[in-house]
Amino acid sequence: MKYFTVEIGGRPIACFRSEDQEDAEHFFEAEDFREDLTVMLSDGKPLWDGLATLNLRDATAEEQREVDQAYEFDEDLPKEADDEFVVFLVPVSDPADDTDDEE
């Protein structure tokens, strides 16, 4: 398992695990993932404006620890899962989650 970090405009935003570089790039380039980045908010603003440069790089040791720690404490995931598990490195909120609570 390898670890990768997504940067937006040079700022590390999210980190995830993937089997290899090819799988990581496939996930990173997926329309759904990129759309999520335009919907999710940090400090009241979208994570990505659709214009800033997106970059995928190898994660640092500290970023890897963030993913491992979050994965270890996520009770919703089966521990044998090999799927990408995204950990945001900045505070985020999803407006869709807020509307679900109000219904």
C-alpha atoms as a PDB file:
ATOM      1  CA  MET A   1       0.000   0.000   0.000  1.00  0.00           C
ATOM      2  CA  LYS A   2       1.312   3.451  -0.932  1.00  0.00           C
ATOM      3  CA  TYR A   3       0.248   6.848   0.367  1.00  0.00           C
ATOM      4  CA  PHE A   4      -0.529   9.879  -1.768  1.00  0.00           C
ATOM      5  CA  THR A   5      -1.343  13.509  -1.048  1.00  0.00           C
ATOM      6  CA  VAL A   6      -3.582  15.829  -3.056  1.00  0.00           C
ATOM      7  CA  GLU A   7      -2.443  19.430  -3.190  1.00  0.00           C
ATOM      8  CA  ILE A   8      -4.566  22.344  -4.342  1.00  0.00           C
ATOM      9  CA  GLY A   9      -2.585  25.394  -5.320  1.00  0.00           C
ATOM     10  CA  GLY A  10       0.444  23.900  -3.550  1.00  0.00           C
ATOM     11  CA  ARG A  11      -1.439  23.346  -0.261  1.00  0.00           C
ATOM     12  CA  PRO A  12      -1.807  19.763   1.030  1.00  0.00           C
ATOM     13  CA  ILE A  13      -5.545  19.105   1.276  1.00  0.00           C
ATOM     14  CA  ALA A  14      -6.105  15.346   1.445  1.00  0.00           C
ATOM     15  CA  CYS A  15      -4.175  12.110   1.777  1.00  0.00           C
ATOM     16  CA  PHE A  16      -5.134   8.543   0.863  1.00  0.00           C
ATOM     17  CA  ARG A  17      -3.776   5.043   0.426  1.00  0.00           C
ATOM     18  CA  SER A  18      -3.769   3.154  -2.836  1.00  0.00           C
ATOM     19  CA  GLU A  19      -2.287  -0.041  -4.228  1.00  0.00           C
ATOM     20  CA  ASP A  20       0.000   1.779  -6.647  1.00  0.00           C
ATOM     21  CA  GLN A  21       0.593   4.996  -8.599  1.00  0.00           C
ATOM     22  CA  GLU A  22      -1.767   4.009 -11.409  1.00  0.00           C
ATOM     23  CA  ASP A  23      -4.696   3.353  -9.050  1.00  0.00           C
ATOM     24  CA  ALA A  24      -3.955   6.580  -7.191  1.00  0.00           C
ATOM     25  CA  GLU A  25      -3.971   8.584 -10.420  1.00  0.00           C
ATOM     26  CA  HIS A  26      -7.244   6.964 -11.491  1.00  0.00           C
ATOM     27  CA  PHE A  27      -8.861   7.967  -8.183  1.00  0.00           C
ATOM     28  CA  PHE A  28      -7.301  11.468  -8.295  1.00  0.00           C
ATOM     29  CA  GLU A  29      -8.567  12.087 -11.836  1.00  0.00           C
ATOM     30  CA  ALA A  30     -12.073  10.742 -11.203  1.00  0.00           C
ATOM     31  CA  GLU A  31     -14.826  13.228 -11.923  1.00  0.00           C
ATOM     32  CA  ASP A  32     -16.660  12.323  -8.678  1.00  0.00           C
ATOM     33  CA  PHE A  33     -13.607  13.075  -6.526  1.00  0.00           C
ATOM     34  CA  ARG A  34     -12.969  16.388  -8.259  1.00  0.00           C
ATOM     35  CA  GLU A  35     -16.627  17.351  -7.968  1.00  0.00           C
ATOM     36  CA  ASP A  36     -16.503  16.591  -4.237  1.00  0.00           C
ATOM     37  CA  LEU A  37     -13.589  19.011  -3.926  1.00  0.00           C
ATOM     38  CA  THR A  38     -15.752  21.800  -5.380  1.00  0.00           C
ATOM     39  CA  VAL A  39     -18.642  21.034  -3.011  1.00  0.00           C
ATOM     40  CA  MET A  40     -16.821  20.429   0.266  1.00  0.00           C
ATOM     41  CA  LEU A  41     -16.021  23.558   2.252  1.00  0.00           C
ATOM     42  CA  SER A  42     -13.078  24.643   4.369  1.00  0.00           C
ATOM     43  CA  ASP A  43     -13.437  27.910   6.270  1.00  0.00           C
ATOM     44  CA  GLY A  44     -16.691  28.513   4.382  1.00  0.00           C
ATOM     45  CA  LYS A  45     -15.068  28.284   0.925  1.00  0.00           C
ATOM     46  CA  PRO A  46     -14.927  25.378  -1.542  1.00  0.00           C
ATOM     47  CA  LEU A  47     -11.757  23.313  -1.254  1.00  0.00           C
ATOM     48  CA  TRP A  48     -11.207  23.736  -4.982  1.00  0.00           C
ATOM     49  CA  ASP A  49     -12.466  26.496  -7.257  1.00  0.00           C
ATOM     50  CA  GLY A  50     -12.058  24.314 -10.345  1.00  0.00           C
ATOM     51  CA  LEU A  51      -9.169  26.479 -11.552  1.00  0.00           C
ATOM     52  CA  ALA A  52      -6.336  26.126  -9.060  1.00  0.00           C
ATOM     53  CA  THR A  53      -3.677  23.564  -9.872  1.00  0.00           C
ATOM     54  CA  LEU A  54      -4.343  20.077  -8.532  1.00  0.00           C
ATOM     55  CA  ASN A  55      -1.299  17.946  -7.841  1.00  0.00           C
ATOM     56  CA  LEU A  56      -0.839  14.356  -6.705  1.00  0.00           C
ATOM     57  CA  ARG A  57       2.390  13.471  -4.913  1.00  0.00           C
ATOM     58  CA  ASP A  58       3.807  10.896  -2.531  1.00  0.00           C
ATOM     59  CA  ALA A  59       2.696  11.570   1.033  1.00  0.00           C
ATOM     60  CA  THR A  60       5.142  12.606   3.717  1.00  0.00           C
ATOM     61  CA  ALA A  61       5.655  10.375   6.767  1.00  0.00           C
ATOM     62  CA  GLU A  62       3.499  12.741   8.848  1.00  0.00           C
ATOM     63  CA  GLU A  63       0.659  12.610   6.292  1.00  0.00           C
ATOM     64  CA  GLN A  64       0.883   8.817   6.253  1.00  0.00           C
ATOM     65  CA  ARG A  65       0.467   8.768  10.036  1.00  0.00           C
ATOM     66  CA  GLU A  66      -2.663  10.935   9.700  1.00  0.00           C
ATOM     67  CA  VAL A  67      -4.230   8.370   7.355  1.00  0.00           C
ATOM     68  CA  ASP A  68      -3.237   5.409   9.509  1.00  0.00           C
ATOM     69  CA  GLN A  69      -4.588   7.048  12.655  1.00  0.00           C
ATOM     70  CA  ALA A  70      -7.900   8.004  11.030  1.00  0.00           C
ATOM     71  CA  TYR A  71      -8.298   4.546   9.498  1.00  0.00           C
ATOM     72  CA  GLU A  72      -7.579   2.854  12.811  1.00  0.00           C
ATOM     73  CA  PHE A  73     -10.333   4.783  14.583  1.00  0.00           C
ATOM     74  CA  ASP A  74     -12.996   4.671  11.850  1.00  0.00           C
ATOM     75  CA  GLU A  75     -15.506   2.101  13.089  1.00  0.00           C
ATOM     76  CA  ASP A  76     -17.493   2.219   9.829  1.00  0.00           C
ATOM     77  CA  LEU A  77     -14.756   0.572   7.752  1.00  0.00           C
ATOM     78  CA  PRO A  78     -14.000  -3.111   7.562  1.00  0.00           C
ATOM     79  CA  LYS A  79     -10.317  -3.388   8.451  1.00  0.00           C
ATOM     80  CA  GLU A  80      -9.549  -5.528   5.411  1.00  0.00           C
ATOM     81  CA  ALA A  81     -10.711  -2.830   2.963  1.00  0.00           C
ATOM     82  CA  ASP A  82      -8.207  -1.964   0.246  1.00  0.00           C
ATOM     83  CA  ASP A  83     -10.245   0.927  -1.146  1.00  0.00           C
ATOM     84  CA  GLU A  84      -8.956   4.459  -1.098  1.00  0.00           C
ATOM     85  CA  PHE A  85      -9.599   6.028   2.290  1.00  0.00           C
ATOM     86  CA  VAL A  86      -9.360   9.814   2.054  1.00  0.00           C
ATOM     87  CA  VAL A  87      -8.278  11.832   5.062  1.00  0.00           C
ATOM     88  CA  PHE A  88      -8.588  15.584   4.773  1.00  0.00           C
ATOM     89  CA  LEU A  89      -5.622  17.501   6.140  1.00  0.00           C
ATOM     90  CA  VAL A  90      -7.676  20.674   6.581  1.00  0.00           C
ATOM     91  CA  PRO A  91     -11.012  21.129   8.371  1.00  0.00           C
ATOM     92  CA  VAL A  92     -13.862  20.336   5.949  1.00  0.00           C
ATOM     93  CA  SER A  93     -17.622  20.310   5.927  1.00  0.00           C
ATOM     94  CA  ASP A  94     -20.035  18.956   3.365  1.00  0.00           C
ATOM     95  CA  PRO A  95     -23.119  21.154   2.862  1.00  0.00           C
ATOM     96  CA  ALA A  96     -25.055  18.056   1.749  1.00  0.00           C
ATOM     97  CA  ASP A  97     -24.578  16.572   5.230  1.00  0.00           C
ATOM     98  CA  ASP A  98     -26.052  19.720   6.783  1.00  0.00           C
ATOM     99  CA  THR A  99     -29.219  19.549   4.683  1.00  0.00           C
ATOM    100  CA  ASP A 100     -29.711  15.870   5.549  1.00  0.00           C
ATOM    101  CA  ASP A 101     -29.760  16.772   9.253  1.00  0.00           C
ATOM    102  CA  GLU A 102     -32.470  19.373   8.745  1.00  0.00           C
ATOM    103  CA  GLU A 103     -34.912  17.012   7.028  1.00  0.00           C
END
